[in-house]
Protein backbone atom coordinates (compact mmCIF):
# COMPACT_ATOMS: atom_id res chain seq x y z
CA CYS A 1 8.75 6.79 3.57
CA ASN A 2 9.99 10.36 3.10
CA MET A 3 7.78 13.36 3.82
CA LEU A 4 8.42 17.03 3.08
CA SER A 5 7.82 19.17 6.17
CA ILE A 6 8.57 22.64 7.53
CA VAL A 7 10.86 22.38 10.57
CA ASP A 8 11.70 25.67 12.34
CA GLY A 9 10.74 27.52 9.17
CA VAL A 10 13.00 25.41 6.94
CA PRO A 11 11.73 22.76 4.46
CA ARG A 12 13.10 19.31 5.30
CA THR A 13 12.57 15.77 4.02
CA LEU A 14 11.87 13.55 7.01
CA ARG A 15 11.76 9.83 7.64
CA LEU A 16 8.77 8.46 9.51
CA ASP A 17 10.69 8.16 12.79
CA GLN A 18 11.95 11.75 12.46
CA MET A 19 8.43 12.95 11.74
CA ILE A 20 7.08 11.21 14.85
CA ARG A 21 9.85 12.58 17.08
CA LEU A 22 9.31 16.14 15.84
CA TYR A 23 5.54 15.77 16.23
CA VAL A 24 5.94 14.60 19.84
CA ALA A 25 8.39 17.44 20.55
CA HIS A 26 5.88 19.91 19.12
CA GLN A 27 3.09 18.48 21.26
CA VAL A 28 5.30 18.72 24.35
CA GLU A 29 5.97 22.37 23.51
CA VAL A 30 2.22 22.95 23.15
CA ILE A 31 1.67 21.38 26.58
CA ARG A 32 4.43 23.53 28.10
CA ARG A 33 3.09 26.79 26.68
CA ARG A 34 -0.48 25.92 27.62
CA THR A 35 0.60 25.06 31.16
CA GLU A 36 2.50 28.35 31.48
CA TYR A 37 -0.62 30.23 30.36
CA LEU A 38 -2.85 28.36 32.83
CA LEU A 39 -0.29 28.94 35.60
CA ARG A 40 -0.22 32.66 34.88
CA LYS A 41 -4.02 32.89 34.99
CA ALA A 42 -4.18 30.84 38.20
CA GLU A 43 -1.58 33.01 39.93
CA GLU A 44 -3.44 36.16 38.89
CA ARG A 45 -6.67 34.80 40.36
CA ALA A 46 -4.92 33.65 43.55
CA HIS A 47 -3.38 37.12 43.94
CA ILE A 48 -6.85 38.72 43.85
CA LEU A 49 -8.32 36.16 46.24
CA ARG A 50 -5.54 36.76 48.75
CA GLY A 51 -6.45 40.46 48.73
CA LEU A 52 -10.15 39.66 49.26
CA VAL A 53 -9.31 37.40 52.19
CA LYS A 54 -7.29 40.22 53.79
CA ALA A 55 -10.25 42.57 53.36
CA LEU A 56 -12.67 40.08 54.91
CA ASP A 57 -10.33 39.58 57.87
CA ALA A 58 -10.47 43.36 58.55
CA LEU A 59 -14.03 43.91 57.39
CA ASP A 60 -15.09 46.64 59.85
CA GLU A 61 -12.01 48.78 59.18
CA VAL A 62 -12.43 48.35 55.40
CA ILE A 63 -16.10 49.41 55.49
CA ALA A 64 -15.31 52.45 57.64
CA LEU A 65 -12.44 53.49 55.35
CA ILE A 66 -14.54 53.21 52.20
CA ARG A 67 -17.47 55.16 53.75
CA ALA A 68 -15.13 57.95 54.87
CA SER A 69 -13.41 58.27 51.47
CA GLN A 70 -14.58 61.09 49.17
CA THR A 71 -13.40 59.39 45.94
CA VAL A 72 -12.44 55.96 44.64
CA ASP A 73 -8.80 57.00 44.37
CA ILE A 74 -8.77 57.99 48.04
CA ALA A 75 -10.39 54.69 49.00
CA ARG A 76 -7.90 52.71 46.86
CA ALA A 77 -4.92 54.46 48.47
CA GLY A 78 -6.38 53.86 51.92
CA LEU A 79 -6.84 50.14 51.29
CA ILE A 80 -3.29 49.78 49.97
CA GLU A 81 -1.98 51.33 53.18
CA LEU A 82 -4.39 49.54 55.55
CA LEU A 83 -4.13 45.99 54.19
CA THR A 84 -0.68 46.05 52.56
CA VAL A 85 -2.13 45.14 49.17
CA ASP A 86 -1.28 46.34 45.68
CA GLU A 87 -3.46 48.37 43.32
CA ILE A 88 -4.92 45.32 41.54
CA GLN A 89 -6.03 43.79 44.83
CA ALA A 90 -7.44 47.11 46.05
CA ASP A 91 -9.54 47.48 42.89
CA ALA A 92 -10.88 43.94 43.38
CA ILE A 93 -11.87 44.80 46.97
CA LEU A 94 -13.68 47.94 45.82
CA ALA A 95 -15.49 45.94 43.11
CA MET A 96 -16.59 43.23 45.57
CA GLN A 97 -20.39 42.97 45.88
CA LEU A 98 -21.99 43.42 49.29
CA ARG A 99 -23.48 39.88 49.19
CA ARG A 100 -19.96 38.47 49.36
CA LEU A 101 -19.66 39.84 52.88
CA ALA A 102 -21.92 37.02 54.13
CA ALA A 103 -20.27 34.23 56.07
CA LEU A 104 -20.98 31.57 53.43
CA GLU A 105 -19.60 33.73 50.64
CA ARG A 106 -16.48 34.34 52.69
CA GLN A 107 -15.96 30.56 53.02
CA LYS A 108 -16.38 30.15 49.25
CA ILE A 109 -13.56 32.65 48.68
CA ILE A 110 -11.30 30.78 51.10
CA ASP A 111 -12.13 27.41 49.46
CA GLU A 112 -11.52 28.80 45.97
CA LEU A 113 -8.13 30.15 47.06
CA ALA A 114 -7.15 26.74 48.47
CA GLU A 115 -8.22 24.99 45.25
CA ILE A 116 -6.29 27.43 43.05
CA GLU A 117 -3.17 27.06 45.19
CA ARG A 118 -3.35 23.26 44.65
CA GLU A 119 -3.78 23.85 40.91
CA ILE A 120 -0.75 26.18 40.90
CA ALA A 121 1.35 23.52 42.61
CA ASP A 122 0.25 20.92 40.03
CA LEU A 123 0.98 23.22 37.07
CA LYS A 124 4.44 24.00 38.43
CA ASP A 125 5.07 20.26 38.84
CA ILE A 126 4.14 19.71 35.17
CA LEU A 127 6.60 22.39 34.06
CA GLU A 128 9.36 20.90 36.19
CA LYS A 129 8.89 17.26 35.02
CA PRO A 130 9.23 16.43 31.27
CA GLU A 131 7.88 12.92 31.91
CA ARG A 132 4.55 14.41 33.02
CA GLN A 133 4.41 16.51 29.87
CA ARG A 134 4.88 13.39 27.69
CA GLN A 135 2.25 11.51 29.70
CA ILE A 136 -0.23 14.32 29.01
CA VAL A 137 0.54 13.98 25.28
CA ARG A 138 -0.20 10.23 25.49
CA ASP A 139 -3.43 10.78 27.42
CA GLU A 140 -4.71 13.40 24.99
CA LEU A 141 -3.90 11.24 21.96
CA LYS A 142 -5.78 8.35 23.58
CA GLU A 143 -8.81 10.61 24.08
CA ILE A 144 -8.73 11.46 20.38
CA VAL A 145 -8.56 7.77 19.45
CA ASP A 146 -11.42 6.87 21.81
CA LYS A 147 -13.59 9.65 20.41
CA HIS A 148 -12.79 9.58 16.71
CA GLY A 149 -10.90 6.33 16.05
CA ASP A 150 -12.32 3.43 14.05
CA ASP A 151 -10.98 0.22 12.56
CA ARG A 152 -8.78 0.37 9.49
CA ARG A 153 -10.91 -0.06 6.38
CA THR A 154 -8.05 -0.75 3.98
CA ARG A 155 -5.73 -3.71 4.08
CA ILE A 156 -1.95 -3.38 4.04
CA ILE A 157 -0.73 -5.98 1.56
CA ALA A 158 2.93 -6.91 1.28
CA ALA A 159 4.56 -6.19 -2.06
CA ASP A 160 6.13 -8.94 -4.15
CA GLY A 161 9.26 -10.23 -2.50
CA ASP A 162 8.26 -8.96 0.93
CA VAL A 163 7.11 -11.07 3.85
CA ALA A 164 3.54 -12.28 3.26
CA ASP A 165 0.82 -11.66 5.82
CA GLU A 166 0.46 -15.40 6.35
CA ASP A 167 4.14 -15.73 7.31
CA LEU A 168 3.48 -13.50 10.31
CA ILE A 169 0.69 -15.73 11.68
CA ALA A 170 1.76 -18.39 14.15
CA ARG A 171 1.06 -21.99 13.24
CA GLU A 172 -1.06 -23.24 16.11
CA ASP A 173 -4.04 -25.49 16.63
CA VAL A 174 -7.43 -23.86 17.05
CA VAL A 175 -10.95 -25.19 17.49
CA VAL A 176 -13.18 -24.27 14.53
CA THR A 177 -16.92 -24.07 15.20
CA ILE A 178 -19.55 -23.59 12.47
CA THR A 179 -23.29 -23.66 13.15
CA GLU A 180 -26.17 -24.85 11.03
CA THR A 181 -27.17 -21.25 10.23
CA GLY A 182 -23.65 -20.23 9.17
CA TYR A 183 -22.02 -18.66 12.23
CA ALA A 184 -18.31 -19.41 12.46
CA LYS A 185 -15.40 -18.75 14.81
CA ARG A 186 -12.04 -20.08 15.92
CA THR A 187 -11.08 -20.58 19.55
CA LYS A 188 -7.78 -21.38 21.24
CA THR A 189 -7.57 -25.06 22.05
CA ASP A 190 -6.52 -24.45 25.66
CA LEU A 191 -10.00 -23.05 26.36
CA TYR A 192 -11.32 -26.61 25.94
CA ARG A 193 -9.76 -28.38 28.91
CA SER A 194 -9.24 -32.12 28.96
CA GLN A 195 -11.71 -33.99 31.18
CA LYS A 196 -12.24 -37.49 32.47
CA ARG A 197 -15.36 -39.50 31.80
CA GLY A 198 -18.29 -38.26 33.89
CA GLY A 199 -17.16 -34.63 33.89
CA LYS A 200 -19.55 -31.72 33.59
CA GLY A 201 -17.98 -30.43 30.39
CA VAL A 202 -17.55 -26.74 29.60
CA GLN A 203 -19.99 -24.10 28.50
CA GLY A 204 -20.18 -23.95 24.70
CA ALA A 205 -21.36 -21.26 22.32
CA GLY A 206 -24.51 -19.35 23.17
CA LEU A 207 -26.67 -20.20 20.16
CA LYS A 208 -30.21 -19.31 19.24
CA GLN A 209 -32.77 -21.94 20.15
CA ASP A 210 -33.15 -23.24 16.59
CA ASP A 211 -29.40 -23.29 15.78
CA ILE A 212 -26.98 -26.17 16.35
CA VAL A 213 -23.26 -26.74 15.92
CA SER A 214 -22.83 -28.63 12.65
CA HIS A 215 -19.02 -28.60 12.36
CA PHE A 216 -16.55 -28.72 15.25
CA PHE A 217 -12.95 -29.76 14.68
CA VAL A 218 -9.36 -28.94 15.58
CA SER A 219 -7.46 -27.27 12.76
CA SER A 220 -4.15 -25.56 12.23
CA THR A 221 -4.46 -21.82 11.67
CA HIS A 222 -2.92 -22.40 8.22
CA ASP A 223 -5.33 -25.15 7.11
CA TRP A 224 -7.77 -24.51 4.28
CA LEU A 225 -11.51 -24.61 4.98
CA LEU A 226 -13.68 -25.34 1.93
CA PHE A 227 -17.27 -24.07 2.19
CA PHE A 228 -19.73 -25.75 -0.19
CA THR A 229 -23.09 -24.07 -0.74
CA THR A 230 -26.48 -25.28 -1.89
CA LYS A 231 -25.97 -23.40 -5.16
CA GLY A 232 -23.07 -25.66 -6.15
CA ARG A 233 -20.27 -23.20 -5.44
CA VAL A 234 -17.23 -23.57 -3.21
CA TYR A 235 -15.44 -20.86 -1.26
CA ARG A 236 -12.25 -21.18 0.70
CA ALA A 237 -10.59 -19.44 3.63
CA LYS A 238 -7.67 -20.11 5.93
CA ALA A 239 -8.65 -21.00 9.48
CA TYR A 240 -6.90 -17.89 10.78
CA GLU A 241 -9.29 -15.75 8.71
CA LEU A 242 -12.23 -16.85 10.85
CA PRO A 243 -12.94 -14.40 13.68
CA GLU A 244 -11.29 -15.38 16.94
CA ALA A 245 -13.85 -15.56 19.74
CA SER A 246 -14.33 -16.96 23.20
CA ARG A 247 -15.68 -20.45 23.86
CA THR A 248 -19.13 -19.08 24.68
CA ALA A 249 -19.39 -16.58 21.81
CA ARG A 250 -21.48 -17.38 18.74
CA GLY A 251 -18.96 -15.91 16.28
CA GLN A 252 -19.77 -14.07 13.06
CA HIS A 253 -21.72 -15.13 10.02
CA VAL A 254 -19.52 -16.45 7.22
CA ALA A 255 -21.24 -14.04 4.83
CA ASN A 256 -19.08 -11.35 6.48
CA LEU A 257 -15.98 -13.29 5.40
CA LEU A 258 -16.97 -14.91 2.11
CA ALA A 259 -18.62 -13.21 -0.86
CA PHE A 260 -21.72 -15.43 -0.92
CA GLN A 261 -24.27 -14.97 -3.67
CA PRO A 262 -27.91 -14.26 -2.76
CA ASP A 263 -29.78 -17.17 -1.13
CA GLU A 264 -26.63 -19.29 -0.75
CA ARG A 265 -26.44 -21.50 2.34
CA ILE A 266 -23.61 -23.66 3.61
CA GLN A 267 -24.21 -27.30 2.75
CA GLY A 268 -20.88 -28.70 3.88
CA VAL A 269 -17.41 -27.79 5.16
CA ILE A 270 -14.23 -29.75 4.45
CA GLN A 271 -10.88 -29.13 6.17
CA ILE A 272 -7.62 -29.81 4.31
CA LYS A 273 -3.98 -28.96 4.86
CA THR A 274 -3.15 -29.08 1.15
CA TYR A 275 -4.96 -30.03 -2.02
CA GLU A 276 -2.98 -33.29 -1.99
CA ASP A 277 -4.74 -34.56 1.16
CA ALA A 278 -7.11 -36.77 -0.84
CA PRO A 279 -7.25 -37.87 -4.46
CA TYR A 280 -10.86 -36.95 -5.11
CA LEU A 281 -13.79 -34.82 -4.06
CA VAL A 282 -17.27 -36.27 -4.63
CA LEU A 283 -20.37 -34.06 -4.88
CA ALA A 284 -24.02 -35.12 -4.95
CA THR A 285 -27.19 -33.19 -5.84
CA ARG A 286 -30.81 -33.41 -4.80
CA ASN A 287 -31.74 -34.92 -8.19
CA GLY A 288 -29.34 -37.84 -7.64
CA LEU A 289 -26.38 -36.67 -9.74
CA VAL A 290 -22.88 -37.44 -8.45
CA LYS A 291 -19.55 -36.14 -9.65
CA LYS A 292 -16.01 -37.18 -8.77
CA SER A 293 -13.29 -34.63 -9.47
CA LYS A 294 -9.65 -34.28 -8.55
CA LEU A 295 -9.30 -32.26 -5.36
CA THR A 296 -6.50 -30.26 -6.98
CA ASP A 297 -9.03 -28.90 -9.52
CA PHE A 298 -10.50 -26.76 -6.74
CA ASP A 299 -7.26 -24.92 -5.89
CA SER A 300 -8.30 -21.40 -6.90
CA ASN A 301 -7.54 -17.94 -5.49
CA ARG A 302 -10.84 -16.40 -6.60
CA SER A 303 -12.29 -14.51 -3.65
CA GLY A 304 -15.82 -14.83 -5.03
CA GLY A 305 -15.71 -18.61 -5.02
CA ILE A 306 -15.80 -21.01 -7.96
CA VAL A 307 -18.33 -23.38 -9.48
CA ALA A 308 -17.98 -26.80 -7.87
CA ILE A 309 -20.70 -28.44 -9.95
CA ASN A 310 -23.03 -27.25 -12.70
CA LEU A 311 -26.59 -27.56 -11.41
CA ARG A 312 -29.54 -28.08 -13.71
CA GLY A 313 -32.73 -26.12 -13.14
CA GLU A 314 -33.74 -25.98 -9.47
CA ASP A 315 -31.32 -28.71 -8.41
CA GLU A 316 -29.25 -28.15 -5.23
CA LEU A 317 -26.04 -29.53 -3.79
CA VAL A 318 -26.72 -32.08 -1.03
CA GLY A 319 -23.27 -33.23 0.05
CA ALA A 320 -19.51 -33.07 -0.49
CA VAL A 321 -17.00 -35.68 0.72
CA LEU A 322 -13.33 -36.57 0.20
CA CYS A 323 -12.63 -40.08 -1.00
CA SER A 324 -10.22 -42.37 -2.80
CA SER A 325 -10.84 -44.96 -5.50
CA ASP A 326 -10.85 -47.69 -2.83
CA ASP A 327 -13.88 -46.25 -1.00
CA ASP A 328 -17.57 -47.03 -1.34
CA LEU A 329 -20.23 -44.31 -1.43
CA LEU A 330 -23.73 -44.53 0.05
CA LEU A 331 -26.64 -42.42 -1.21
CA VAL A 332 -29.91 -42.26 0.76
CA SER A 333 -33.14 -40.84 -0.63
CA ALA A 334 -35.86 -38.93 1.19
CA GLN A 335 -38.28 -41.86 0.76
CA GLY A 336 -35.95 -44.39 2.35
CA GLN A 337 -34.15 -45.94 -0.62
CA SER A 338 -30.36 -46.36 -0.47
CA ILE A 339 -27.65 -47.41 -2.88
CA ARG A 340 -24.05 -48.33 -2.18
CA PHE A 341 -21.56 -48.30 -5.05
CA SER A 342 -17.83 -48.24 -5.57
CA ALA A 343 -15.87 -45.03 -6.18
CA THR A 344 -13.37 -46.70 -8.52
CA ASP A 345 -12.56 -44.91 -11.75
CA GLU A 346 -14.44 -47.61 -13.68
CA ALA A 347 -17.62 -47.17 -11.62
CA LEU A 348 -17.35 -43.39 -11.24
CA ARG A 349 -14.97 -41.76 -13.69
CA PRO A 350 -13.29 -38.49 -12.73
CA MET A 351 -14.77 -35.37 -14.34
CA GLY A 352 -13.80 -31.72 -14.67
CA ARG A 353 -14.82 -29.13 -12.12
CA ALA A 354 -17.47 -27.26 -14.14
CA THR A 355 -19.53 -30.32 -15.11
CA SER A 356 -22.88 -31.70 -13.97
CA GLY A 357 -21.90 -35.25 -13.08
CA VAL A 358 -23.60 -38.57 -13.78
CA GLN A 359 -26.64 -40.30 -12.36
CA GLY A 360 -25.77 -41.82 -9.02
CA MET A 361 -29.29 -42.85 -8.03
CA ARG A 362 -32.68 -42.96 -9.71
CA PHE A 363 -35.93 -42.27 -7.89
CA ASN A 364 -39.57 -43.26 -7.87
CA GLY A 365 -42.08 -40.43 -8.26
CA ASP A 366 -41.16 -37.25 -6.39
CA ASP A 367 -38.38 -38.86 -4.34
CA GLU A 368 -35.04 -37.00 -4.04
CA LEU A 369 -31.57 -37.45 -2.58
CA LEU A 370 -31.22 -36.79 1.14
CA SER A 371 -27.57 -37.55 1.95
CA LEU A 372 -24.16 -38.57 0.62
CA ASN A 373 -21.79 -40.62 2.79
CA VAL A 374 -18.45 -42.42 2.55
CA VAL A 375 -18.71 -45.96 3.89
CA ARG A 376 -16.31 -46.86 6.71
CA GLU A 377 -15.85 -50.33 8.16
CA GLY A 378 -17.55 -50.97 11.50
CA THR A 379 -19.98 -48.08 11.15
CA TYR A 380 -23.76 -47.81 10.89
CA LEU A 381 -26.28 -45.91 8.83
CA LEU A 382 -28.53 -44.05 11.26
CA VAL A 383 -31.82 -42.73 9.89
CA ALA A 384 -34.54 -40.64 11.55
CA THR A 385 -38.11 -39.75 10.57
CA SER A 386 -40.26 -36.67 11.08
CA GLY A 387 -42.37 -38.59 13.60
CA GLY A 388 -39.40 -38.93 15.95
CA TYR A 389 -38.40 -42.53 15.09
CA SER A 390 -34.88 -43.75 14.37
CA LYS A 391 -32.70 -46.84 13.92
CA ARG A 392 -29.16 -47.75 12.96
CA THR A 393 -28.19 -50.51 10.56
CA GLY A 394 -24.76 -52.06 10.05
CA MET A 395 -23.10 -51.27 6.73
CA GLU A 396 -22.80 -54.99 5.99
CA ASP A 397 -26.57 -54.96 5.32
CA TYR A 398 -26.06 -52.68 2.31
CA PRO A 399 -24.76 -54.61 -0.72
CA VAL A 400 -22.47 -52.97 -3.27
CA GLN A 401 -24.49 -52.30 -6.44
CA GLY A 402 -23.98 -50.61 -9.74
CA ARG A 403 -24.26 -46.84 -9.85
CA GLY A 404 -27.49 -45.37 -11.22
CA GLY A 405 -30.01 -47.82 -9.78
CA LYS A 406 -32.88 -47.27 -7.34
CA GLY A 407 -31.11 -49.14 -4.56
CA VAL A 408 -32.64 -51.07 -1.69
CA LEU A 409 -35.07 -50.16 1.06
CA THR A 410 -33.48 -48.76 4.22
CA ILE A 411 -36.61 -48.09 6.34
CA GLN A 412 -40.28 -48.98 6.20
CA TYR A 413 -42.69 -46.07 6.28
CA ASP A 414 -46.09 -45.62 7.84
CA LYS A 415 -48.20 -42.57 8.68
CA LYS A 416 -47.24 -42.69 12.35
CA ARG A 417 -43.51 -42.48 11.70
CA GLY A 418 -43.60 -39.82 9.01
CA THR A 419 -41.01 -39.11 6.32
CA LEU A 420 -37.24 -39.51 6.44
CA VAL A 421 -35.45 -36.33 7.59
CA GLY A 422 -31.85 -37.48 8.11
CA ALA A 423 -29.36 -40.24 7.28
CA LEU A 424 -25.85 -40.29 8.78
CA ILE A 425 -22.91 -42.66 9.00
CA VAL A 426 -22.12 -43.03 12.73
CA ASN A 427 -20.07 -45.16 15.09
CA ASP A 428 -20.68 -46.14 18.71
CA ASP A 429 -18.81 -43.11 20.07
CA ASP A 430 -20.86 -40.49 18.20
CA GLU A 431 -23.57 -38.31 19.69
CA LEU A 432 -26.46 -36.80 17.78
CA TYR A 433 -28.35 -33.53 17.72
CA ALA A 434 -32.02 -33.54 16.78
CA ILE A 435 -33.90 -30.31 16.05
CA THR A 436 -37.69 -30.06 16.08
CA SER A 437 -40.13 -27.77 14.31
CA GLY A 438 -40.88 -26.15 17.67
CA GLY A 439 -37.28 -24.94 17.88
CA GLY A 440 -36.19 -27.50 20.46
CA VAL A 441 -32.82 -29.24 20.27
CA ILE A 442 -32.04 -32.50 22.05
CA ARG A 443 -28.93 -34.66 22.16
CA THR A 444 -28.57 -38.41 22.46
CA ALA A 445 -25.82 -41.02 22.13
CA ALA A 446 -25.78 -42.91 18.82
CA LYS A 447 -25.39 -46.22 20.64
CA GLN A 448 -28.69 -45.55 22.45
CA VAL A 449 -30.47 -45.95 19.09
CA ARG A 450 -31.39 -49.61 18.64
CA LYS A 451 -29.70 -51.66 15.91
CA ALA A 452 -32.19 -52.97 13.36
CA GLY A 453 -32.25 -54.42 9.88
CA ARG A 454 -32.87 -52.43 6.73
CA GLN A 455 -36.52 -53.36 6.30
CA THR A 456 -37.69 -52.35 9.77
CA LYS A 457 -39.58 -49.31 11.03
CA GLY A 458 -37.24 -48.20 13.79
CA VAL A 459 -37.87 -47.19 17.41
CA ARG A 460 -38.86 -43.93 19.05
CA LEU A 461 -35.95 -41.50 19.28
CA MET A 462 -37.85 -38.76 21.10
CA ASN A 463 -41.33 -37.87 22.26
CA LEU A 464 -42.79 -34.96 20.31
CA GLY A 465 -45.48 -32.55 21.40
CA GLU A 466 -48.76 -32.21 19.55
CA GLY A 467 -48.14 -30.67 16.13
CA ASP A 468 -44.35 -30.93 16.56
CA ASN A 469 -42.12 -32.73 14.05
CA LEU A 470 -38.49 -33.74 13.87
CA LEU A 471 -36.82 -31.56 11.23
CA ALA A 472 -33.21 -32.74 11.06
CA ILE A 473 -30.46 -34.68 12.77
CA ALA A 474 -26.74 -33.95 12.85
CA ARG A 475 -23.70 -35.61 14.32
CA ASN A 476 -22.86 -33.84 17.57
CA ALA A 477 -19.83 -31.80 16.62
CA ASP A 478 -19.61 -29.99 19.98
CA GLU A 479 -18.15 -30.98 23.32
CA PRO A 480 -20.74 -32.92 25.35
CA ASP A 481 -21.91 -31.43 28.63
CA GLU A 482 -22.25 -34.86 30.29
CA THR A 483 -20.08 -37.76 29.23
CA ASP A 484 -22.48 -40.46 30.38
CA ASP A 485 -24.45 -43.10 28.57
CA ASN A 486 -27.86 -41.47 28.89
CA ALA A 487 -29.66 -39.46 26.29
CA GLU A 488 -30.74 -35.94 27.20
CA SER A 489 -34.29 -36.24 26.00
CA SER A 490 -37.56 -37.78 26.91
CA GLY A 491 -37.21 -40.14 23.96
CA LYS A 492 -34.37 -42.41 25.09
CA GLY A 493 -34.12 -45.79 23.33
CA ALA A 494 -37.79 -46.70 23.75
CA LYS A 495 -39.10 -50.14 23.02
CA GLU A 496 -39.83 -50.98 19.41
CA SER A 497 -43.39 -50.37 18.34
């Protein structure tokens, strides 16, 4: 950039580096002139103090001379001759108050003279050393920044053809953590050290009592993160846009990063490197609608997010998963019904982004959809009830059916066990979080939950206090504190009741 400035009284057009050099030179000159002024004042004060010290050293003679003098001029001349001082020092002696003749006051004068002489030596050193003058400029600028500085509020965006901001960000792996209530952060992977089985783990994020980590994965800083909300919208951000924080920090709420609409909550997060990572994205709503769309349809630069699915009335988004036409999908309802159907184009045809979808599952009465899952071989469906009961059932027990039916029973209800609060696809290596209405959070290994058939009631997952209920379960996305086989709750794999 070029800036018009007055240099030594002459208008000049300066480059930025010239402007900075001239500014620093001006500040150095200000420091030099200020130091010369302070040195002059200090030397004047030291000169007077030296005269006072001479007078105090010959106090009796000074008092006798002043008492014998008829006028001030006679006294001044006498002091100049007696003490070998100049006129300025003599006037200071004559103006000295009687209280300064006390011993303590005399010591104060001597101490002040010593302090000023040290100050004079320091000021002379500043004038003799240009490097000290430049250091003072740096220190004073830092004081200004500390007092008045704040973060930049505008973004510097590269012009077309220039290097993009993203090109300046290193491609490295980071650990992305997102909590149930929407707090997100990225952390350097080397802060999560590798451990052997039986280790104590490392301290994780300091969360509120009723918050849990719902997403925890390793991502490249340049990967896309897709945030799906209950209102059927999707927002995206690069992993490097998440705030970088320590392993124990909670992070910041994603509402500070993404332009969420009122009352929107995160329902799911999907990580992709490109929009070619999977053929399709499947969405499901609380009223049982499902929609399969091409993942590439969601590649949009709109900062305010885009519509992922058109919701009808008070319907809400329940889940979002990536899949191919070879996969099977499993829907589970809040009253324990489940339906497994194929994701082929014949069974579930692809639809545009801004559509409502088709009926994936029908319900009895006031039942509604609880979860959407992609079926994987060798996994289990784990369900949990509000009464603290749970079980896991092999996927081979769930037959493939046609889309749009009511499905088959996945758990038997009774008053003691309560209603279904969670349904997850898990394997033997997974761990689970369970959160209660009292704000408590426990963790247990998935393999500690007993295997059982579809039409069974399940076993106790945890013991609940009076009036307490199980609210939700989630796959443990965080690093475990203890890598053993025991659950960290009072409700470990109890006998079936």
